[in-house]
Amino acid sequence: MELAYYSDYAVRLVNSEEPARGTDTLTTVEAVRDLFGVNASAARRATDADVTRFRSVRARLRAVFEAADQGDETLAVDLLNSLLLEFPVSPQISGHDYRDDDGRPLWHMHLADHPSNATAGYAAIAAMGLAFHLTEYGVDRLGLCQAPPCRNAYLDTSTNRSRRYCSDRCATRANVAAYRARKRLEADRSGSSGRTAESAQRTSASGER
């Protein structure tokens, strides 16, 4: 499993809340467990106490994305380093689930955590995955959706660093809004030009008299 995979943990957690819309799905232990995805064994460690702890980590991870979105690389790195120090992981070589044509393990890096609670385990993996993504691809690859009021986090994996939206849905919504704004501007300009031409005609007619 590539380490970049773990950066999705950070995105999933950050996007469990949409502050601009006033929505928050992280309200129960079941919601916490759902964030782990296929990592069922880690999810089973979650308790009601993890709901509050997860929200605290979520705020700190969002701050990393916000700093990156604002172009403050140093702040983004400092915030992420503080998480890495607080929630360490143990990288290990693993060969489970992956085999070559001869049946031999396909060795890959795996992040093993030894946490005291589910939040510590999740935070360690999310922070390490995000750190790997930042150092491998650049801080400008961490973004917040530009389609208001969304502001969901995303990881830009485009070849030309052009991603601005968290999903196709938000991209379409933003494009439609931009199209309508252009049409309104064109209509306003057309109306203004028409009124100017009409005024000029009246002025000319008055002068002829």
N, C-alpha and C. Protein backbone atom coordinates (compact mmCIF):
# COMPACT_ATOMS: atom_id res chain seq x y z
N MET A 1 0.85 -1.18 0.00
CA MET A 1 0.00 0.00 0.00
C MET A 1 0.89 1.24 0.00
N GLU A 2 0.72 2.15 -0.94
CA GLU A 2 1.51 3.35 -0.99
C GLU A 2 1.12 4.28 0.16
N LEU A 3 2.12 4.99 0.67
CA LEU A 3 1.85 5.88 1.79
C LEU A 3 0.88 6.98 1.43
N ALA A 4 0.84 7.38 0.15
CA ALA A 4 -0.08 8.44 -0.27
C ALA A 4 -1.54 8.04 -0.01
N TYR A 5 -1.80 6.73 0.01
CA TYR A 5 -3.16 6.26 0.26
C TYR A 5 -3.69 6.81 1.58
N TYR A 6 -2.81 6.89 2.57
CA TYR A 6 -3.23 7.29 3.90
C TYR A 6 -3.67 8.75 3.98
N SER A 7 -3.28 9.56 2.98
CA SER A 7 -3.71 10.96 3.00
C SER A 7 -5.23 11.08 2.87
N ASP A 8 -5.87 10.06 2.32
CA ASP A 8 -7.33 10.08 2.21
C ASP A 8 -7.98 10.07 3.59
N TYR A 9 -7.29 9.53 4.58
CA TYR A 9 -7.83 9.55 5.94
C TYR A 9 -8.05 10.99 6.40
N ALA A 10 -7.09 11.85 6.08
CA ALA A 10 -7.21 13.26 6.47
C ALA A 10 -8.37 13.93 5.75
N VAL A 11 -8.51 13.67 4.46
CA VAL A 11 -9.59 14.28 3.67
C VAL A 11 -10.96 13.83 4.19
N ARG A 12 -11.09 12.53 4.46
CA ARG A 12 -12.38 12.02 4.95
C ARG A 12 -12.77 12.69 6.27
N LEU A 13 -11.81 12.83 7.16
CA LEU A 13 -12.12 13.41 8.46
C LEU A 13 -12.47 14.90 8.32
N VAL A 14 -11.67 15.65 7.59
CA VAL A 14 -11.93 17.08 7.41
C VAL A 14 -13.31 17.30 6.81
N ASN A 15 -13.66 16.49 5.82
CA ASN A 15 -14.92 16.69 5.11
C ASN A 15 -16.14 16.12 5.82
N SER A 16 -15.94 15.62 7.03
CA SER A 16 -17.11 15.18 7.81
C SER A 16 -17.87 16.38 8.36
N GLU A 17 -17.28 17.56 8.19
CA GLU A 17 -17.95 18.80 8.59
C GLU A 17 -17.88 19.81 7.45
N GLU A 18 -18.97 20.54 7.24
CA GLU A 18 -19.00 21.63 6.27
C GLU A 18 -19.41 22.90 7.03
N PRO A 19 -18.43 23.63 7.57
CA PRO A 19 -18.74 24.79 8.43
C PRO A 19 -19.63 25.83 7.77
N ALA A 20 -19.39 26.11 6.50
CA ALA A 20 -20.17 27.15 5.82
C ALA A 20 -21.64 26.76 5.70
N ARG A 21 -21.90 25.47 5.65
CA ARG A 21 -23.29 24.99 5.55
C ARG A 21 -23.86 24.63 6.91
N GLY A 22 -23.03 24.62 7.94
CA GLY A 22 -23.51 24.29 9.27
C GLY A 22 -23.84 22.82 9.44
N THR A 23 -23.16 21.93 8.68
CA THR A 23 -23.43 20.50 8.79
C THR A 23 -22.24 19.78 9.40
N ASP A 24 -22.54 18.74 10.17
CA ASP A 24 -21.51 17.94 10.82
C ASP A 24 -22.03 16.52 10.97
N THR A 25 -21.40 15.57 10.30
CA THR A 25 -21.85 14.18 10.37
C THR A 25 -21.12 13.40 11.47
N LEU A 26 -20.14 14.03 12.10
CA LEU A 26 -19.36 13.34 13.11
C LEU A 26 -20.00 13.54 14.48
N THR A 27 -21.08 12.84 14.70
CA THR A 27 -21.86 13.03 15.94
C THR A 27 -22.02 11.75 16.75
N THR A 28 -21.65 10.61 16.20
CA THR A 28 -21.83 9.33 16.90
C THR A 28 -20.58 8.46 16.75
N VAL A 29 -20.48 7.45 17.58
CA VAL A 29 -19.35 6.53 17.49
C VAL A 29 -19.41 5.75 16.17
N GLU A 30 -20.63 5.52 15.68
CA GLU A 30 -20.77 4.83 14.40
C GLU A 30 -20.17 5.66 13.27
N ALA A 31 -20.35 6.97 13.33
CA ALA A 31 -19.76 7.86 12.32
C ALA A 31 -18.24 7.83 12.39
N VAL A 32 -17.71 7.74 13.59
CA VAL A 32 -16.26 7.63 13.77
C VAL A 32 -15.76 6.34 13.13
N ARG A 33 -16.44 5.25 13.39
CA ARG A 33 -16.02 3.96 12.84
C ARG A 33 -16.09 3.93 11.32
N ASP A 34 -17.08 4.62 10.76
CA ASP A 34 -17.21 4.65 9.30
C ASP A 34 -16.00 5.31 8.64
N LEU A 35 -15.36 6.24 9.34
CA LEU A 35 -14.21 6.93 8.77
C LEU A 35 -13.04 6.00 8.51
N PHE A 36 -12.96 4.90 9.23
CA PHE A 36 -11.85 3.97 9.07
C PHE A 36 -11.95 3.15 7.78
N GLY A 37 -13.13 3.15 7.16
CA GLY A 37 -13.28 2.40 5.91
C GLY A 37 -13.10 0.91 6.13
N VAL A 38 -12.18 0.31 5.34
CA VAL A 38 -11.99 -1.14 5.40
C VAL A 38 -11.16 -1.57 6.61
N ASN A 39 -10.59 -0.61 7.34
CA ASN A 39 -9.76 -0.94 8.50
C ASN A 39 -10.67 -1.25 9.70
N ALA A 40 -11.34 -2.39 9.61
CA ALA A 40 -12.37 -2.74 10.60
C ALA A 40 -11.79 -2.97 11.99
N SER A 41 -10.61 -3.56 12.07
CA SER A 41 -10.03 -3.86 13.38
C SER A 41 -9.76 -2.58 14.16
N ALA A 42 -9.26 -1.55 13.47
CA ALA A 42 -9.01 -0.27 14.13
C ALA A 42 -10.31 0.42 14.50
N ALA A 43 -11.32 0.29 13.64
CA ALA A 43 -12.60 0.93 13.90
C ALA A 43 -13.26 0.39 15.16
N ARG A 44 -13.04 -0.88 15.45
CA ARG A 44 -13.68 -1.49 16.62
C ARG A 44 -13.18 -0.90 17.93
N ARG A 45 -12.02 -0.23 17.91
CA ARG A 45 -11.51 0.37 19.14
C ARG A 45 -12.25 1.66 19.51
N ALA A 46 -13.00 2.21 18.58
CA ALA A 46 -13.65 3.50 18.80
C ALA A 46 -14.73 3.41 19.88
N THR A 47 -14.81 4.46 20.70
CA THR A 47 -15.83 4.56 21.73
C THR A 47 -16.48 5.95 21.63
N ASP A 48 -17.47 6.18 22.44
CA ASP A 48 -18.15 7.48 22.43
C ASP A 48 -17.18 8.64 22.72
N ALA A 49 -16.16 8.37 23.52
CA ALA A 49 -15.20 9.42 23.87
C ALA A 49 -14.41 9.89 22.65
N ASP A 50 -14.32 9.04 21.63
CA ASP A 50 -13.55 9.40 20.45
C ASP A 50 -14.25 10.46 19.59
N VAL A 51 -15.54 10.63 19.75
CA VAL A 51 -16.26 11.62 18.95
C VAL A 51 -15.67 13.00 19.18
N THR A 52 -15.52 13.39 20.43
CA THR A 52 -14.95 14.71 20.77
C THR A 52 -13.49 14.78 20.35
N ARG A 53 -12.73 13.72 20.58
CA ARG A 53 -11.31 13.73 20.21
C ARG A 53 -11.13 13.83 18.71
N PHE A 54 -11.96 13.14 17.95
CA PHE A 54 -11.88 13.20 16.50
C PHE A 54 -12.16 14.62 15.99
N ARG A 55 -13.13 15.28 16.62
CA ARG A 55 -13.45 16.64 16.20
C ARG A 55 -12.27 17.59 16.42
N SER A 56 -11.54 17.37 17.50
CA SER A 56 -10.37 18.20 17.78
C SER A 56 -9.29 18.00 16.72
N VAL A 57 -9.03 16.76 16.36
CA VAL A 57 -8.05 16.46 15.32
C VAL A 57 -8.52 17.01 13.97
N ARG A 58 -9.81 16.92 13.73
CA ARG A 58 -10.38 17.43 12.47
C ARG A 58 -10.11 18.92 12.31
N ALA A 59 -10.29 19.68 13.37
CA ALA A 59 -10.04 21.12 13.31
C ALA A 59 -8.58 21.41 12.98
N ARG A 60 -7.69 20.62 13.54
CA ARG A 60 -6.26 20.82 13.29
C ARG A 60 -5.87 20.44 11.87
N LEU A 61 -6.47 19.40 11.35
CA LEU A 61 -6.20 19.01 9.97
C LEU A 61 -6.77 20.04 8.99
N ARG A 62 -7.96 20.56 9.29
CA ARG A 62 -8.52 21.60 8.41
C ARG A 62 -7.61 22.83 8.39
N ALA A 63 -7.02 23.14 9.53
CA ALA A 63 -6.12 24.29 9.59
C ALA A 63 -4.92 24.10 8.66
N VAL A 64 -4.47 22.85 8.50
CA VAL A 64 -3.38 22.56 7.56
C VAL A 64 -3.82 22.88 6.13
N PHE A 65 -5.01 22.42 5.76
CA PHE A 65 -5.54 22.68 4.42
C PHE A 65 -5.76 24.18 4.21
N GLU A 66 -6.25 24.87 5.23
CA GLU A 66 -6.50 26.31 5.10
C GLU A 66 -5.20 27.07 4.88
N ALA A 67 -4.15 26.69 5.62
CA ALA A 67 -2.86 27.34 5.45
C ALA A 67 -2.31 27.08 4.05
N ALA A 68 -2.44 25.85 3.57
CA ALA A 68 -1.97 25.52 2.23
C ALA A 68 -2.76 26.28 1.17
N ASP A 69 -4.08 26.38 1.38
CA ASP A 69 -4.93 27.08 0.43
C ASP A 69 -4.59 28.56 0.34
N GLN A 70 -4.11 29.13 1.46
CA GLN A 70 -3.74 30.54 1.50
C GLN A 70 -2.29 30.77 1.08
N GLY A 71 -1.60 29.70 0.71
CA GLY A 71 -0.23 29.82 0.25
C GLY A 71 0.81 29.94 1.35
N ASP A 72 0.43 29.68 2.58
CA ASP A 72 1.36 29.77 3.70
C ASP A 72 1.98 28.40 3.95
N GLU A 73 3.03 28.07 3.20
CA GLU A 73 3.65 26.76 3.28
C GLU A 73 4.23 26.49 4.66
N THR A 74 4.90 27.47 5.23
CA THR A 74 5.55 27.27 6.52
C THR A 74 4.53 26.94 7.61
N LEU A 75 3.41 27.65 7.63
CA LEU A 75 2.38 27.38 8.63
C LEU A 75 1.80 25.99 8.43
N ALA A 76 1.52 25.61 7.19
CA ALA A 76 0.97 24.28 6.90
C ALA A 76 1.90 23.20 7.41
N VAL A 77 3.20 23.36 7.17
CA VAL A 77 4.18 22.37 7.61
C VAL A 77 4.28 22.36 9.13
N ASP A 78 4.30 23.52 9.75
CA ASP A 78 4.39 23.59 11.22
C ASP A 78 3.19 22.90 11.87
N LEU A 79 2.00 23.16 11.34
CA LEU A 79 0.79 22.55 11.91
C LEU A 79 0.82 21.03 11.74
N LEU A 80 1.30 20.58 10.60
CA LEU A 80 1.35 19.15 10.34
C LEU A 80 2.43 18.48 11.19
N ASN A 81 3.56 19.17 11.37
CA ASN A 81 4.62 18.62 12.22
C ASN A 81 4.15 18.45 13.66
N SER A 82 3.32 19.37 14.14
CA SER A 82 2.82 19.25 15.52
C SER A 82 1.95 18.00 15.67
N LEU A 83 1.20 17.68 14.63
CA LEU A 83 0.39 16.46 14.67
C LEU A 83 1.28 15.21 14.62
N LEU A 84 2.32 15.26 13.78
CA LEU A 84 3.23 14.11 13.66
C LEU A 84 3.94 13.83 14.98
N LEU A 85 4.31 14.89 15.69
CA LEU A 85 4.98 14.72 16.97
C LEU A 85 4.04 14.14 18.02
N GLU A 86 2.78 14.58 17.98
CA GLU A 86 1.81 14.13 18.99
C GLU A 86 1.29 12.73 18.70
N PHE A 87 1.21 12.40 17.41
CA PHE A 87 0.65 11.09 17.03
C PHE A 87 1.64 10.34 16.12
N PRO A 88 2.66 9.72 16.70
CA PRO A 88 3.67 9.02 15.90
C PRO A 88 3.16 7.67 15.37
N VAL A 89 3.82 7.19 14.33
CA VAL A 89 3.51 5.88 13.75
C VAL A 89 4.80 5.08 13.63
N SER A 90 4.65 3.79 13.33
CA SER A 90 5.79 2.91 13.11
C SER A 90 5.71 2.34 11.70
N PRO A 91 6.51 2.87 10.76
CA PRO A 91 6.50 2.31 9.39
C PRO A 91 7.02 0.87 9.41
N GLN A 92 6.35 0.03 8.67
CA GLN A 92 6.77 -1.36 8.57
C GLN A 92 6.63 -1.84 7.14
N ILE A 93 7.50 -2.81 6.77
CA ILE A 93 7.38 -3.44 5.46
C ILE A 93 6.36 -4.56 5.56
N SER A 94 5.42 -4.56 4.64
CA SER A 94 4.33 -5.55 4.69
C SER A 94 4.16 -6.20 3.32
N GLY A 95 3.64 -7.42 3.34
CA GLY A 95 3.39 -8.13 2.08
C GLY A 95 2.03 -8.77 2.03
N HIS A 96 1.15 -8.38 2.94
CA HIS A 96 -0.17 -9.00 2.99
C HIS A 96 -1.05 -8.55 1.82
N ASP A 97 -1.86 -9.45 1.34
CA ASP A 97 -2.89 -9.18 0.32
C ASP A 97 -2.35 -8.96 -1.09
N TYR A 98 -1.04 -8.79 -1.25
CA TYR A 98 -0.49 -8.51 -2.57
C TYR A 98 0.51 -9.60 -2.97
N ARG A 99 0.30 -10.23 -4.13
CA ARG A 99 1.18 -11.30 -4.60
C ARG A 99 1.55 -11.09 -6.06
N ASP A 100 2.80 -11.48 -6.42
CA ASP A 100 3.19 -11.40 -7.83
C ASP A 100 2.74 -12.66 -8.55
N ASP A 101 3.14 -12.82 -9.80
CA ASP A 101 2.69 -13.97 -10.59
C ASP A 101 3.20 -15.29 -10.03
N ASP A 102 4.27 -15.26 -9.28
CA ASP A 102 4.83 -16.47 -8.69
C ASP A 102 4.32 -16.73 -7.28
N GLY A 103 3.39 -15.88 -6.84
CA GLY A 103 2.82 -16.06 -5.52
C GLY A 103 3.64 -15.49 -4.39
N ARG A 104 4.70 -14.75 -4.73
CA ARG A 104 5.53 -14.14 -3.70
C ARG A 104 4.93 -12.80 -3.26
N PRO A 105 5.17 -12.40 -2.02
CA PRO A 105 4.62 -11.11 -1.55
C PRO A 105 5.17 -9.94 -2.34
N LEU A 106 4.31 -8.97 -2.60
CA LEU A 106 4.75 -7.70 -3.17
C LEU A 106 4.96 -6.74 -2.01
N TRP A 107 6.21 -6.60 -1.62
CA TRP A 107 6.52 -5.83 -0.42
C TRP A 107 6.19 -4.36 -0.61
N HIS A 108 5.63 -3.75 0.41
CA HIS A 108 5.28 -2.34 0.36
C HIS A 108 5.32 -1.78 1.78
N MET A 109 5.33 -0.44 1.87
CA MET A 109 5.36 0.20 3.16
C MET A 109 3.96 0.27 3.76
N HIS A 110 3.90 0.01 5.04
CA HIS A 110 2.64 0.00 5.77
C HIS A 110 2.84 0.80 7.06
N LEU A 111 1.85 1.57 7.46
CA LEU A 111 1.94 2.33 8.70
C LEU A 111 1.25 1.58 9.82
N ALA A 112 2.03 1.07 10.73
CA ALA A 112 1.47 0.36 11.88
C ALA A 112 1.36 1.33 13.04
N ASP A 113 0.21 1.33 13.69
CA ASP A 113 0.03 2.23 14.83
C ASP A 113 -0.19 1.41 16.10
N HIS A 114 0.24 1.96 17.19
CA HIS A 114 0.07 1.30 18.49
C HIS A 114 -0.55 2.31 19.44
N PRO A 115 -1.78 2.72 19.15
CA PRO A 115 -2.38 3.83 19.90
C PRO A 115 -3.06 3.39 21.19
N SER A 116 -3.26 4.38 22.05
CA SER A 116 -4.00 4.13 23.28
C SER A 116 -5.50 4.22 23.03
N ASN A 117 -5.90 4.84 21.92
CA ASN A 117 -7.31 4.95 21.59
C ASN A 117 -7.47 5.09 20.07
N ALA A 118 -8.69 5.02 19.59
CA ALA A 118 -8.95 5.05 18.15
C ALA A 118 -8.54 6.38 17.53
N THR A 119 -8.73 7.47 18.25
CA THR A 119 -8.37 8.79 17.72
C THR A 119 -6.88 8.89 17.45
N ALA A 120 -6.07 8.42 18.39
CA ALA A 120 -4.62 8.48 18.23
C ALA A 120 -4.18 7.67 17.01
N GLY A 121 -4.79 6.51 16.82
CA GLY A 121 -4.44 5.69 15.67
C GLY A 121 -4.81 6.34 14.35
N TYR A 122 -6.01 6.87 14.30
CA TYR A 122 -6.48 7.52 13.06
C TYR A 122 -5.67 8.77 12.77
N ALA A 123 -5.44 9.58 13.80
CA ALA A 123 -4.70 10.83 13.62
C ALA A 123 -3.28 10.57 13.14
N ALA A 124 -2.65 9.53 13.66
CA ALA A 124 -1.29 9.20 13.26
C ALA A 124 -1.22 8.85 11.78
N ILE A 125 -2.15 8.03 11.34
CA ILE A 125 -2.17 7.61 9.94
C ILE A 125 -2.51 8.79 9.03
N ALA A 126 -3.51 9.58 9.42
CA ALA A 126 -3.93 10.72 8.60
C ALA A 126 -2.80 11.74 8.47
N ALA A 127 -2.14 12.05 9.58
CA ALA A 127 -1.06 13.05 9.55
C ALA A 127 0.12 12.55 8.73
N MET A 128 0.49 11.29 8.88
CA MET A 128 1.62 10.76 8.14
C MET A 128 1.31 10.70 6.65
N GLY A 129 0.09 10.29 6.30
CA GLY A 129 -0.30 10.25 4.89
C GLY A 129 -0.29 11.62 4.27
N LEU A 130 -0.79 12.61 5.01
CA LEU A 130 -0.83 13.97 4.50
C LEU A 130 0.58 14.54 4.38
N ALA A 131 1.44 14.20 5.33
CA ALA A 131 2.83 14.67 5.28
C ALA A 131 3.54 14.08 4.06
N PHE A 132 3.30 12.82 3.78
CA PHE A 132 3.91 12.20 2.61
C PHE A 132 3.43 12.87 1.33
N HIS A 133 2.13 13.14 1.26
CA HIS A 133 1.57 13.79 0.06
C HIS A 133 2.16 15.18 -0.11
N LEU A 134 2.29 15.93 0.98
CA LEU A 134 2.81 17.29 0.91
C LEU A 134 4.27 17.30 0.44
N THR A 135 5.09 16.42 1.02
CA THR A 135 6.51 16.42 0.67
C THR A 135 6.77 15.82 -0.70
N GLU A 136 5.91 14.92 -1.13
CA GLU A 136 6.11 14.27 -2.43
C GLU A 136 5.61 15.13 -3.58
N TYR A 137 4.47 15.81 -3.39
CA TYR A 137 3.83 16.52 -4.49
C TYR A 137 3.79 18.04 -4.34
N GLY A 138 4.02 18.54 -3.12
CA GLY A 138 4.01 19.99 -2.92
C GLY A 138 2.82 20.44 -2.11
N VAL A 139 3.01 21.52 -1.34
CA VAL A 139 1.95 22.01 -0.47
C VAL A 139 0.77 22.54 -1.26
N ASP A 140 1.01 22.98 -2.51
CA ASP A 140 -0.09 23.51 -3.31
C ASP A 140 -1.01 22.42 -3.82
N ARG A 141 -0.69 21.16 -3.51
CA ARG A 141 -1.58 20.05 -3.87
C ARG A 141 -2.64 19.80 -2.81
N LEU A 142 -2.58 20.54 -1.71
CA LEU A 142 -3.62 20.47 -0.68
C LEU A 142 -4.55 21.65 -0.89
N GLY A 143 -5.81 21.39 -1.18
CA GLY A 143 -6.71 22.49 -1.50
C GLY A 143 -8.04 22.43 -0.79
N LEU A 144 -8.74 23.55 -0.86
CA LEU A 144 -10.12 23.66 -0.38
C LEU A 144 -10.99 24.07 -1.56
N CYS A 145 -12.14 23.44 -1.67
CA CYS A 145 -13.03 23.66 -2.81
C CYS A 145 -13.35 25.14 -2.99
N GLN A 146 -13.24 25.61 -4.24
CA GLN A 146 -13.47 27.02 -4.57
C GLN A 146 -14.92 27.32 -4.95
N ALA A 147 -15.81 26.33 -4.80
CA ALA A 147 -17.23 26.54 -5.11
C ALA A 147 -17.98 26.86 -3.82
N PRO A 148 -18.19 28.14 -3.52
CA PRO A 148 -18.86 28.49 -2.26
C PRO A 148 -20.29 27.95 -2.24
N PRO A 149 -20.77 27.52 -1.08
CA PRO A 149 -20.11 27.60 0.22
C PRO A 149 -19.39 26.32 0.62
N CYS A 150 -19.00 25.47 -0.32
CA CYS A 150 -18.51 24.13 -0.03
C CYS A 150 -17.28 24.12 0.88
N ARG A 151 -16.12 24.46 0.36
CA ARG A 151 -14.86 24.48 1.10
C ARG A 151 -14.45 23.12 1.64
N ASN A 152 -14.84 22.06 0.95
CA ASN A 152 -14.36 20.73 1.31
C ASN A 152 -12.88 20.61 0.93
N ALA A 153 -12.16 19.77 1.67
CA ALA A 153 -10.75 19.55 1.38
C ALA A 153 -10.60 18.56 0.23
N TYR A 154 -9.52 18.70 -0.52
CA TYR A 154 -9.20 17.74 -1.58
C TYR A 154 -7.70 17.68 -1.77
N LEU A 155 -7.24 16.62 -2.42
CA LEU A 155 -5.83 16.45 -2.79
C LEU A 155 -5.74 16.53 -4.30
N ASP A 156 -4.99 17.48 -4.80
CA ASP A 156 -4.87 17.70 -6.23
C ASP A 156 -3.88 16.70 -6.83
N THR A 157 -4.38 15.79 -7.65
CA THR A 157 -3.52 14.81 -8.31
C THR A 157 -3.48 15.04 -9.82
N SER A 158 -3.97 16.21 -10.27
CA SER A 158 -3.96 16.52 -11.70
C SER A 158 -2.52 16.73 -12.18
N THR A 159 -2.28 16.49 -13.44
CA THR A 159 -0.92 16.60 -13.98
C THR A 159 -0.45 18.05 -14.06
N ASN A 160 -1.38 18.99 -14.21
CA ASN A 160 -1.00 20.40 -14.36
C ASN A 160 -1.37 21.26 -13.16
N ARG A 161 -1.62 20.63 -12.02
CA ARG A 161 -1.93 21.35 -10.78
C ARG A 161 -3.10 22.33 -10.97
N SER A 162 -4.12 21.89 -11.66
CA SER A 162 -5.21 22.80 -12.03
C SER A 162 -6.50 22.58 -11.24
N ARG A 163 -6.51 21.60 -10.36
CA ARG A 163 -7.77 21.29 -9.66
C ARG A 163 -8.16 22.42 -8.72
N ARG A 164 -9.44 22.78 -8.72
CA ARG A 164 -9.95 23.85 -7.86
C ARG A 164 -11.19 23.43 -7.07
N TYR A 165 -11.74 22.26 -7.39
CA TYR A 165 -12.99 21.84 -6.76
C TYR A 165 -12.84 20.43 -6.19
N CYS A 166 -13.66 20.14 -5.17
CA CYS A 166 -13.56 18.85 -4.50
C CYS A 166 -14.22 17.72 -5.28
N SER A 167 -15.13 18.08 -6.20
CA SER A 167 -15.88 17.06 -6.92
C SER A 167 -16.37 17.61 -8.26
N ASP A 168 -16.79 16.70 -9.13
CA ASP A 168 -17.37 17.13 -10.42
C ASP A 168 -18.64 17.93 -10.19
N ARG A 169 -19.38 17.58 -9.15
CA ARG A 169 -20.62 18.29 -8.86
C ARG A 169 -20.35 19.75 -8.55
N CYS A 170 -19.35 20.01 -7.71
CA CYS A 170 -19.01 21.40 -7.37
C CYS A 170 -18.43 22.13 -8.58
N ALA A 171 -17.65 21.44 -9.39
CA ALA A 171 -17.08 22.07 -10.59
C ALA A 171 -18.19 22.49 -11.53
N THR A 172 -19.19 21.62 -11.72
CA THR A 172 -20.31 21.94 -12.60
C THR A 172 -21.11 23.12 -12.04
N ARG A 173 -21.35 23.10 -10.73
CA ARG A 173 -22.11 24.18 -10.10
C ARG A 173 -21.40 25.52 -10.27
N ALA A 174 -20.07 25.51 -10.09
CA ALA A 174 -19.30 26.74 -10.22
C ALA A 174 -19.29 27.24 -11.66
N ASN A 175 -19.18 26.31 -12.62
CA ASN A 175 -19.18 26.69 -14.03
C ASN A 175 -20.52 27.28 -14.45
N VAL A 176 -21.61 26.70 -13.96
CA VAL A 176 -22.94 27.21 -14.27
C VAL A 176 -23.11 28.61 -13.68
N ALA A 177 -22.65 28.80 -12.44
CA ALA A 177 -22.75 30.11 -11.80
C ALA A 177 -21.94 31.15 -12.56
N ALA A 178 -20.74 30.77 -13.03
CA ALA A 178 -19.89 31.70 -13.78
C ALA A 178 -20.53 32.04 -15.12
N TYR A 179 -21.15 31.04 -15.77
CA TYR A 179 -21.83 31.27 -17.05
C TYR A 179 -22.99 32.24 -16.88
N ARG A 180 -23.78 32.05 -15.85
CA ARG A 180 -24.92 32.94 -15.61
C ARG A 180 -24.46 34.35 -15.28
N ALA A 181 -23.35 34.46 -14.55
CA ALA A 181 -22.82 35.78 -14.21
C ALA A 181 -22.36 36.51 -15.47
N ARG A 182 -21.73 35.76 -16.40
CA ARG A 182 -21.29 36.37 -17.66
C ARG A 182 -22.48 36.84 -18.48
N LYS A 183 -23.53 36.04 -18.50
CA LYS A 183 -24.73 36.40 -19.26
C LYS A 183 -25.38 37.65 -18.68
N ARG A 184 -25.41 37.74 -17.35
CA ARG A 184 -26.00 38.94 -16.72
C ARG A 184 -25.17 40.17 -17.05
N LEU A 185 -23.86 40.02 -17.04
CA LEU A 185 -22.98 41.13 -17.36
C LEU A 185 -23.16 41.57 -18.81
N GLU A 186 -23.26 40.59 -19.72
CA GLU A 186 -23.48 40.91 -21.13
C GLU A 186 -24.81 41.62 -21.33
N ALA A 187 -25.83 41.16 -20.61
CA ALA A 187 -27.15 41.78 -20.73
C ALA A 187 -27.12 43.21 -20.20
N ASP A 188 -26.41 43.41 -19.07
CA ASP A 188 -26.30 44.75 -18.51
C ASP A 188 -25.57 45.68 -19.47
N ARG A 189 -24.50 45.17 -20.07
CA ARG A 189 -23.73 45.99 -21.01
C ARG A 189 -24.56 46.31 -22.26
N SER A 190 -25.32 45.33 -22.73
CA SER A 190 -26.16 45.53 -23.91
C SER A 190 -27.23 46.57 -23.63
N GLY A 191 -27.84 46.47 -22.44
CA GLY A 191 -28.86 47.42 -22.07
C GLY A 191 -28.30 48.82 -21.92
N SER A 192 -27.10 48.90 -21.36
CA SER A 192 -26.45 50.20 -21.19
C SER A 192 -26.11 50.82 -22.54
N SER A 193 -25.62 49.97 -23.47
CA SER A 193 -25.28 50.46 -24.81
C SER A 193 -26.53 50.94 -25.54
N GLY A 194 -27.63 50.21 -25.34
CA GLY A 194 -28.88 50.59 -25.99
C GLY A 194 -29.38 51.92 -25.49
N ARG A 195 -29.26 52.11 -24.14
CA ARG A 195 -29.72 53.37 -23.57
C ARG A 195 -28.84 54.53 -24.02
N THR A 196 -27.55 54.28 -24.17
CA THR A 196 -26.63 55.32 -24.63
C THR A 196 -26.93 55.72 -26.07
N ALA A 197 -27.20 54.71 -26.92
CA ALA A 197 -27.51 54.98 -28.32
C ALA A 197 -28.81 55.76 -28.44
N GLU A 198 -29.80 55.39 -27.63
CA GLU A 198 -31.10 56.07 -27.67
C GLU A 198 -30.95 57.52 -27.23
N SER A 199 -30.13 57.73 -26.19
CA SER A 199 -29.90 59.09 -25.71
C SER A 199 -29.20 59.93 -26.77
N ALA A 200 -28.24 59.33 -27.47
CA ALA A 200 -27.53 60.03 -28.53
C ALA A 200 -28.46 60.44 -29.66
N GLN A 201 -29.40 59.54 -29.99
CA GLN A 201 -30.35 59.82 -31.05
C GLN A 201 -31.24 60.98 -30.65
N ARG A 202 -31.69 61.03 -29.39
CA ARG A 202 -32.54 62.12 -28.95
C ARG A 202 -31.79 63.44 -28.98
N THR A 203 -30.53 63.41 -28.58
CA THR A 203 -29.71 64.61 -28.59
C THR A 203 -29.51 65.13 -29.99
N SER A 204 -29.28 64.17 -30.94
CA SER A 204 -29.08 64.56 -32.35
C SER A 204 -30.34 65.17 -32.93
N ALA A 205 -31.49 64.56 -32.61
CA ALA A 205 -32.77 65.06 -33.14
C ALA A 205 -33.06 66.45 -32.58
N SER A 206 -32.75 66.66 -31.32
CA SER A 206 -32.97 67.96 -30.71
C SER A 206 -32.10 69.01 -31.36
N GLY A 207 -30.88 68.65 -31.72
CA GLY A 207 -29.98 69.60 -32.36
C GLY A 207 -30.42 69.97 -33.74
N GLU A 208 -30.99 69.03 -34.45
CA GLU A 208 -31.47 69.29 -35.81
C GLU A 208 -32.62 70.27 -35.80
N ARG A 209 -33.44 70.26 -34.72
CA ARG A 209 -34.57 71.19 -34.66
C ARG A 209 -34.05 72.60 -34.38
